[in-house]
Amino acid sequence: MESIRPLGGGPYPWYRSHGRTALITAVVLFVAVTGLYIVDIGTYQSVDIFYVLPIALLAMSFGLRGGLIGAAVGFALFAGVQLIFGSDEITVMRWVTRATGLFLLGFLLGHATDQIEAAQRRTIADLEERQALAERARRQAEALEISDSILQHLAVAKWMVEVGNDDEAVTILTSTIATGEAMVADLLPIRTGDLSGSGGEFRVPDSTG
């Protein structure tokens, strides 16, 4: 069984983040309750009710599947102790009561755990979607800013050419190209050197090999 791991960061109950530890603890509880049940089987004490402890632990750690498996194990141990060590006839009502209680606990608690995990996943998916929309809006705003800036500089360069100041127009165009390249580089998700894997400058492969 795979442990349900809560999402989103932060501290979580140990039985949710350490599935193996939760499983071992449940096994120890099953063994301890079974041993105590065997010792006290003739005293008419309802020691077997403590099977709810490992069942609840499995349900909260592994969801519905863990809860139902835990309930099956708990009821099997209860039945085995009764059949092997029981001296009196156990009533049908007690069989039904124990089976219903254990499986109902495993089902309800496990199902609730699965619903909590599903809600966590939906919440994180919605958050990621909102972040993606915000990032897209930011990039669109930056793209408009780049476009406006370039158009303004081109208009100035055109005016310089019209008045005969070609050198100043060339200077403005050169500065506009450099500024535009820098702004576009900051806007793109992949920057120079990211594709090389070693921090060096990214180079386009030579077509001649």
C-alpha atoms as a PDB file:
ATOM      1  CA  MET A   1       0.000   0.000   0.000  1.00  0.00           C
ATOM      2  CA  GLU A   2       1.204   3.456  -0.856  1.00  0.00           C
ATOM      3  CA  SER A   3       0.897   6.153   1.767  1.00  0.00           C
ATOM      4  CA  ILE A   4      -1.248   9.158   1.015  1.00  0.00           C
ATOM      5  CA  ARG A   5       1.024  12.153   1.131  1.00  0.00           C
ATOM      6  CA  PRO A   6      -0.656  15.508   1.688  1.00  0.00           C
ATOM      7  CA  LEU A   7       0.226  18.203  -0.759  1.00  0.00           C
ATOM      8  CA  GLY A   8       1.136  21.816  -0.406  1.00  0.00           C
ATOM      9  CA  GLY A   9       4.028  21.715   2.043  1.00  0.00           C
ATOM     10  CA  GLY A  10       4.072  22.140   5.799  1.00  0.00           C
ATOM     11  CA  PRO A  11       3.955  19.792   8.792  1.00  0.00           C
ATOM     12  CA  TYR A  12       1.704  16.739   8.521  1.00  0.00           C
ATOM     13  CA  PRO A  13       0.737  13.847  10.792  1.00  0.00           C
ATOM     14  CA  TRP A  14       3.428  11.198  10.821  1.00  0.00           C
ATOM     15  CA  TYR A  15       1.031   8.489   9.670  1.00  0.00           C
ATOM     16  CA  ARG A  16       0.368  10.447   6.472  1.00  0.00           C
ATOM     17  CA  SER A  17       3.963  11.204   5.563  1.00  0.00           C
ATOM     18  CA  HIS A  18       5.576   7.945   6.753  1.00  0.00           C
ATOM     19  CA  GLY A  19       3.528   5.105   5.321  1.00  0.00           C
ATOM     20  CA  ARG A  20       5.986   2.353   6.242  1.00  0.00           C
ATOM     21  CA  THR A  21       6.083   3.459   9.880  1.00  0.00           C
ATOM     22  CA  ALA A  22       2.287   3.586   9.982  1.00  0.00           C
ATOM     23  CA  LEU A  23       2.066   0.091   8.514  1.00  0.00           C
ATOM     24  CA  ILE A  24       4.541  -1.339  11.033  1.00  0.00           C
ATOM     25  CA  THR A  25       2.694   0.367  13.875  1.00  0.00           C
ATOM     26  CA  ALA A  26      -0.597  -1.103  12.691  1.00  0.00           C
ATOM     27  CA  VAL A  27       0.915  -4.583  12.567  1.00  0.00           C
ATOM     28  CA  VAL A  28       2.257  -4.177  16.107  1.00  0.00           C
ATOM     29  CA  LEU A  29      -1.182  -3.055  17.291  1.00  0.00           C
ATOM     30  CA  PHE A  30      -2.846  -6.038  15.622  1.00  0.00           C
ATOM     31  CA  VAL A  31      -0.408  -8.407  17.321  1.00  0.00           C
ATOM     32  CA  ALA A  32      -0.747  -6.706  20.712  1.00  0.00           C
ATOM     33  CA  VAL A  33      -4.550  -6.682  20.627  1.00  0.00           C
ATOM     34  CA  THR A  34      -4.658 -10.302  19.478  1.00  0.00           C
ATOM     35  CA  GLY A  35      -2.320 -11.395  22.288  1.00  0.00           C
ATOM     36  CA  LEU A  36      -4.365  -9.518  24.876  1.00  0.00           C
ATOM     37  CA  TYR A  37      -7.554 -10.949  23.393  1.00  0.00           C
ATOM     38  CA  ILE A  38      -6.233 -14.507  23.681  1.00  0.00           C
ATOM     39  CA  VAL A  39      -5.275 -13.949  27.339  1.00  0.00           C
ATOM     40  CA  ASP A  40      -8.634 -12.440  28.287  1.00  0.00           C
ATOM     41  CA  ILE A  41     -10.908 -14.475  26.017  1.00  0.00           C
ATOM     42  CA  GLY A  42     -12.487 -16.300  28.936  1.00  0.00           C
ATOM     43  CA  THR A  43     -13.164 -13.177  30.983  1.00  0.00           C
ATOM     44  CA  TYR A  44     -15.931 -11.880  28.701  1.00  0.00           C
ATOM     45  CA  GLN A  45     -14.113  -8.566  28.292  1.00  0.00           C
ATOM     46  CA  SER A  46     -14.570  -6.867  24.925  1.00  0.00           C
ATOM     47  CA  VAL A  47     -10.843  -6.648  24.272  1.00  0.00           C
ATOM     48  CA  ASP A  48     -11.399  -7.276  20.566  1.00  0.00           C
ATOM     49  CA  ILE A  49     -12.912  -3.802  20.271  1.00  0.00           C
ATOM     50  CA  PHE A  50      -9.351  -2.457  20.293  1.00  0.00           C
ATOM     51  CA  TYR A  51      -8.958  -3.749  16.725  1.00  0.00           C
ATOM     52  CA  VAL A  52     -10.442  -0.378  15.774  1.00  0.00           C
ATOM     53  CA  LEU A  53      -7.086   1.249  16.609  1.00  0.00           C
ATOM     54  CA  PRO A  54      -4.957  -0.320  13.831  1.00  0.00           C
ATOM     55  CA  ILE A  55      -7.921  -0.177  11.445  1.00  0.00           C
ATOM     56  CA  ALA A  56      -8.304   3.555  12.019  1.00  0.00           C
ATOM     57  CA  LEU A  57      -4.563   4.052  11.606  1.00  0.00           C
ATOM     58  CA  LEU A  58      -4.544   2.230   8.265  1.00  0.00           C
ATOM     59  CA  ALA A  59      -7.618   4.111   7.057  1.00  0.00           C
ATOM     60  CA  MET A  60      -6.091   7.497   7.878  1.00  0.00           C
ATOM     61  CA  SER A  61      -2.738   6.506   6.358  1.00  0.00           C
ATOM     62  CA  PHE A  62      -3.820   4.728   3.162  1.00  0.00           C
ATOM     63  CA  GLY A  63      -7.405   5.778   2.562  1.00  0.00           C
ATOM     64  CA  LEU A  64     -10.325   3.507   1.717  1.00  0.00           C
ATOM     65  CA  ARG A  65      -8.160   0.615   0.580  1.00  0.00           C
ATOM     66  CA  GLY A  66      -6.163   0.670   3.805  1.00  0.00           C
ATOM     67  CA  GLY A  67      -9.316   0.908   5.905  1.00  0.00           C
ATOM     68  CA  LEU A  68     -10.997  -2.064   4.245  1.00  0.00           C
ATOM     69  CA  ILE A  69      -7.847  -4.203   4.355  1.00  0.00           C
ATOM     70  CA  GLY A  70      -7.380  -3.324   8.014  1.00  0.00           C
ATOM     71  CA  ALA A  71     -11.007  -4.221   8.754  1.00  0.00           C
ATOM     72  CA  ALA A  72     -10.598  -7.569   6.984  1.00  0.00           C
ATOM     73  CA  VAL A  73      -7.439  -8.342   8.962  1.00  0.00           C
ATOM     74  CA  GLY A  74      -9.039  -7.299  12.235  1.00  0.00           C
ATOM     75  CA  PHE A  75     -12.144  -9.400  11.670  1.00  0.00           C
ATOM     76  CA  ALA A  76     -10.045 -12.383  10.533  1.00  0.00           C
ATOM     77  CA  LEU A  77      -7.988 -12.186  13.750  1.00  0.00           C
ATOM     78  CA  PHE A  78     -11.157 -11.876  15.827  1.00  0.00           C
ATOM     79  CA  ALA A  79     -12.682 -14.903  14.111  1.00  0.00           C
ATOM     80  CA  GLY A  80      -9.466 -16.915  14.360  1.00  0.00           C
ATOM     81  CA  VAL A  81      -9.121 -16.331  18.100  1.00  0.00           C
ATOM     82  CA  GLN A  82     -12.746 -17.210  18.667  1.00  0.00           C
ATOM     83  CA  LEU A  83     -12.579 -20.414  16.618  1.00  0.00           C
ATOM     84  CA  ILE A  84      -9.264 -21.587  18.096  1.00  0.00           C
ATOM     85  CA  PHE A  85      -9.374 -20.392  21.685  1.00  0.00           C
ATOM     86  CA  GLY A  86     -13.054 -19.692  22.303  1.00  0.00           C
ATOM     87  CA  SER A  87     -14.704 -22.058  24.777  1.00  0.00           C
ATOM     88  CA  ASP A  88     -18.279 -20.839  24.402  1.00  0.00           C
ATOM     89  CA  GLU A  89     -20.489 -20.555  21.388  1.00  0.00           C
ATOM     90  CA  ILE A  90     -20.403 -17.037  20.014  1.00  0.00           C
ATOM     91  CA  THR A  91     -23.773 -15.684  18.972  1.00  0.00           C
ATOM     92  CA  VAL A  92     -24.602 -14.706  15.425  1.00  0.00           C
ATOM     93  CA  MET A  93     -25.403 -11.212  16.602  1.00  0.00           C
ATOM     94  CA  ARG A  94     -21.874 -10.786  17.950  1.00  0.00           C
ATOM     95  CA  TRP A  95     -20.386 -11.943  14.641  1.00  0.00           C
ATOM     96  CA  VAL A  96     -22.566  -9.475  12.756  1.00  0.00           C
ATOM     97  CA  THR A  97     -21.889  -6.689  15.231  1.00  0.00           C
ATOM     98  CA  ARG A  98     -18.119  -7.072  15.083  1.00  0.00           C
ATOM     99  CA  ALA A  99     -18.026  -7.395  11.294  1.00  0.00           C
ATOM    100  CA  THR A 100     -20.328  -4.412  10.775  1.00  0.00           C
ATOM    101  CA  GLY A 101     -18.462  -2.209  13.237  1.00  0.00           C
ATOM    102  CA  LEU A 102     -14.988  -2.962  11.900  1.00  0.00           C
ATOM    103  CA  PHE A 103     -15.852  -2.699   8.208  1.00  0.00           C
ATOM    104  CA  LEU A 104     -18.018   0.382   8.707  1.00  0.00           C
ATOM    105  CA  LEU A 105     -15.172   2.110  10.524  1.00  0.00           C
ATOM    106  CA  GLY A 106     -12.659   1.177   7.827  1.00  0.00           C
ATOM    107  CA  PHE A 107     -15.002   2.290   5.031  1.00  0.00           C
ATOM    108  CA  LEU A 108     -16.144   5.599   6.505  1.00  0.00           C
ATOM    109  CA  LEU A 109     -12.748   6.743   7.785  1.00  0.00           C
ATOM    110  CA  GLY A 110     -10.910   5.565   4.680  1.00  0.00           C
ATOM    111  CA  HIS A 111     -13.431   7.201   2.360  1.00  0.00           C
ATOM    112  CA  ALA A 112     -13.191  10.467   4.307  1.00  0.00           C
ATOM    113  CA  THR A 113      -9.391  10.353   4.022  1.00  0.00           C
ATOM    114  CA  ASP A 114      -9.617   9.870   0.246  1.00  0.00           C
ATOM    115  CA  GLN A 115     -12.021  12.796  -0.017  1.00  0.00           C
ATOM    116  CA  ILE A 116      -9.648  15.032   1.938  1.00  0.00           C
ATOM    117  CA  GLU A 117      -6.784  14.092  -0.368  1.00  0.00           C
ATOM    118  CA  ALA A 118      -8.930  14.731  -3.452  1.00  0.00           C
ATOM    119  CA  ALA A 119      -9.907  18.134  -2.075  1.00  0.00           C
ATOM    120  CA  GLN A 120      -6.236  18.950  -1.482  1.00  0.00           C
ATOM    121  CA  ARG A 121      -5.383  18.017  -5.053  1.00  0.00           C
ATOM    122  CA  ARG A 122      -8.232  20.133  -6.442  1.00  0.00           C
ATOM    123  CA  THR A 123      -7.161  23.086  -4.319  1.00  0.00           C
ATOM    124  CA  ILE A 124      -3.569  22.869  -5.534  1.00  0.00           C
ATOM    125  CA  ALA A 125      -4.696  22.410  -9.151  1.00  0.00           C
ATOM    126  CA  ASP A 126      -6.852  25.547  -8.879  1.00  0.00           C
ATOM    127  CA  LEU A 127      -3.967  27.460  -7.308  1.00  0.00           C
ATOM    128  CA  GLU A 128      -1.578  26.400 -10.067  1.00  0.00           C
ATOM    129  CA  GLU A 129      -4.143  27.381 -12.701  1.00  0.00           C
ATOM    130  CA  ARG A 130      -4.572  30.839 -11.146  1.00  0.00           C
ATOM    131  CA  GLN A 131      -0.795  31.257 -10.995  1.00  0.00           C
ATOM    132  CA  ALA A 132      -0.511  30.261 -14.664  1.00  0.00           C
ATOM    133  CA  LEU A 133      -3.186  32.794 -15.652  1.00  0.00           C
ATOM    134  CA  ALA A 134      -1.466  35.500 -13.622  1.00  0.00           C
ATOM    135  CA  GLU A 135       1.871  34.682 -15.248  1.00  0.00           C
ATOM    136  CA  ARG A 136       0.274  34.758 -18.701  1.00  0.00           C
ATOM    137  CA  ALA A 137      -1.278  38.158 -17.970  1.00  0.00           C
ATOM    138  CA  ARG A 138       2.074  39.444 -16.728  1.00  0.00           C
ATOM    139  CA  ARG A 139       3.849  38.287 -19.872  1.00  0.00           C
ATOM    140  CA  GLN A 140       1.197  39.853 -22.079  1.00  0.00           C
ATOM    141  CA  ALA A 141       1.595  43.157 -20.232  1.00  0.00           C
ATOM    142  CA  GLU A 142       5.371  42.989 -20.641  1.00  0.00           C
ATOM    143  CA  ALA A 143       4.984  42.149 -24.326  1.00  0.00           C
ATOM    144  CA  LEU A 144       2.771  45.201 -24.819  1.00  0.00           C
ATOM    145  CA  GLU A 145       5.323  47.328 -22.983  1.00  0.00           C
ATOM    146  CA  ILE A 146       8.090  46.056 -25.258  1.00  0.00           C
ATOM    147  CA  SER A 147       5.993  46.713 -28.335  1.00  0.00           C
ATOM    148  CA  ASP A 148       5.141  50.265 -27.258  1.00  0.00           C
ATOM    149  CA  SER A 149       8.751  51.043 -26.385  1.00  0.00           C
ATOM    150  CA  ILE A 150      10.084  49.763 -29.695  1.00  0.00           C
ATOM    151  CA  LEU A 151       7.418  51.594 -31.701  1.00  0.00           C
ATOM    152  CA  GLN A 152       8.184  54.858 -29.918  1.00  0.00           C
ATOM    153  CA  HIS A 153      11.909  54.546 -30.628  1.00  0.00           C
ATOM    154  CA  LEU A 154      11.241  53.630 -34.264  1.00  0.00           C
ATOM    155  CA  ALA A 155       9.027  56.681 -34.611  1.00  0.00           C
ATOM    156  CA  VAL A 156      11.837  58.864 -33.249  1.00  0.00           C
ATOM    157  CA  ALA A 157      14.371  57.224 -35.598  1.00  0.00           C
ATOM    158  CA  LYS A 158      12.039  57.822 -38.560  1.00  0.00           C
ATOM    159  CA  TRP A 159      11.711  61.463 -37.605  1.00  0.00           C
ATOM    160  CA  MET A 160      15.506  61.761 -37.366  1.00  0.00           C
ATOM    161  CA  VAL A 161      15.855  60.368 -40.911  1.00  0.00           C
ATOM    162  CA  GLU A 162      13.232  62.768 -42.187  1.00  0.00           C
ATOM    163  CA  VAL A 163      15.105  65.768 -40.768  1.00  0.00           C
ATOM    164  CA  GLY A 164      18.375  64.482 -42.194  1.00  0.00           C
ATOM    165  CA  ASN A 165      20.007  63.375 -38.952  1.00  0.00           C
ATOM    166  CA  ASP A 166      20.949  59.888 -40.149  1.00  0.00           C
ATOM    167  CA  ASP A 167      23.695  59.319 -37.578  1.00  0.00           C
ATOM    168  CA  GLU A 168      21.331  59.971 -34.680  1.00  0.00           C
ATOM    169  CA  ALA A 169      18.745  57.703 -36.323  1.00  0.00           C
ATOM    170  CA  VAL A 170      21.286  54.871 -36.571  1.00  0.00           C
ATOM    171  CA  THR A 171      22.226  55.368 -32.913  1.00  0.00           C
ATOM    172  CA  ILE A 172      18.585  55.214 -31.850  1.00  0.00           C
ATOM    173  CA  LEU A 173      17.945  52.097 -33.954  1.00  0.00           C
ATOM    174  CA  THR A 174      21.019  50.367 -32.534  1.00  0.00           C
ATOM    175  CA  SER A 175      19.976  51.199 -28.984  1.00  0.00           C
ATOM    176  CA  THR A 176      16.402  50.054 -29.712  1.00  0.00           C
ATOM    177  CA  ILE A 177      17.599  46.703 -31.053  1.00  0.00           C
ATOM    178  CA  ALA A 178      19.821  46.098 -28.004  1.00  0.00           C
ATOM    179  CA  THR A 179      17.074  47.118 -25.592  1.00  0.00           C
ATOM    180  CA  GLY A 180      14.499  44.977 -27.381  1.00  0.00           C
ATOM    181  CA  GLU A 181      16.755  41.933 -27.315  1.00  0.00           C
ATOM    182  CA  ALA A 182      17.385  42.370 -23.584  1.00  0.00           C
ATOM    183  CA  MET A 183      13.684  42.785 -22.794  1.00  0.00           C
ATOM    184  CA  VAL A 184      12.708  39.768 -24.890  1.00  0.00           C
ATOM    185  CA  ALA A 185      15.457  37.665 -23.275  1.00  0.00           C
ATOM    186  CA  ASP A 186      14.082  38.519 -19.828  1.00  0.00           C
ATOM    187  CA  LEU A 187      10.568  37.619 -20.976  1.00  0.00           C
ATOM    188  CA  LEU A 188      11.377  34.220 -22.480  1.00  0.00           C
ATOM    189  CA  PRO A 189      11.248  31.167 -20.109  1.00  0.00           C
ATOM    190  CA  ILE A 190      14.420  29.695 -21.666  1.00  0.00           C
ATOM    191  CA  ARG A 191      17.430  31.937 -21.437  1.00  0.00           C
ATOM    192  CA  THR A 192      20.875  31.820 -22.948  1.00  0.00           C
ATOM    193  CA  GLY A 193      22.912  28.979 -21.492  1.00  0.00           C
ATOM    194  CA  ASP A 194      19.957  27.076 -19.957  1.00  0.00           C
ATOM    195  CA  LEU A 195      20.006  24.453 -22.699  1.00  0.00           C
ATOM    196  CA  SER A 196      23.690  23.678 -22.461  1.00  0.00           C
ATOM    197  CA  GLY A 197      23.419  22.118 -18.977  1.00  0.00           C
ATOM    198  CA  SER A 198      26.848  23.463 -18.031  1.00  0.00           C
ATOM    199  CA  GLY A 199      26.216  27.180 -17.699  1.00  0.00           C
ATOM    200  CA  GLY A 200      27.959  27.966 -20.997  1.00  0.00           C
ATOM    201  CA  GLU A 201      26.582  29.890 -23.937  1.00  0.00           C
ATOM    202  CA  PHE A 202      24.007  28.049 -25.986  1.00  0.00           C
ATOM    203  CA  ARG A 203      25.068  27.609 -29.596  1.00  0.00           C
ATOM    204  CA  VAL A 204      23.013  26.563 -32.587  1.00  0.00           C
ATOM    205  CA  PRO A 205      24.438  23.319 -34.016  1.00  0.00           C
ATOM    206  CA  ASP A 206      26.302  23.644 -37.298  1.00  0.00           C
ATOM    207  CA  SER A 207      24.253  22.148 -40.135  1.00  0.00           C
ATOM    208  CA  THR A 208      27.409  20.774 -41.698  1.00  0.00           C
ATOM    209  CA  GLY A 209      28.163  18.723 -38.535  1.00  0.00           C
END
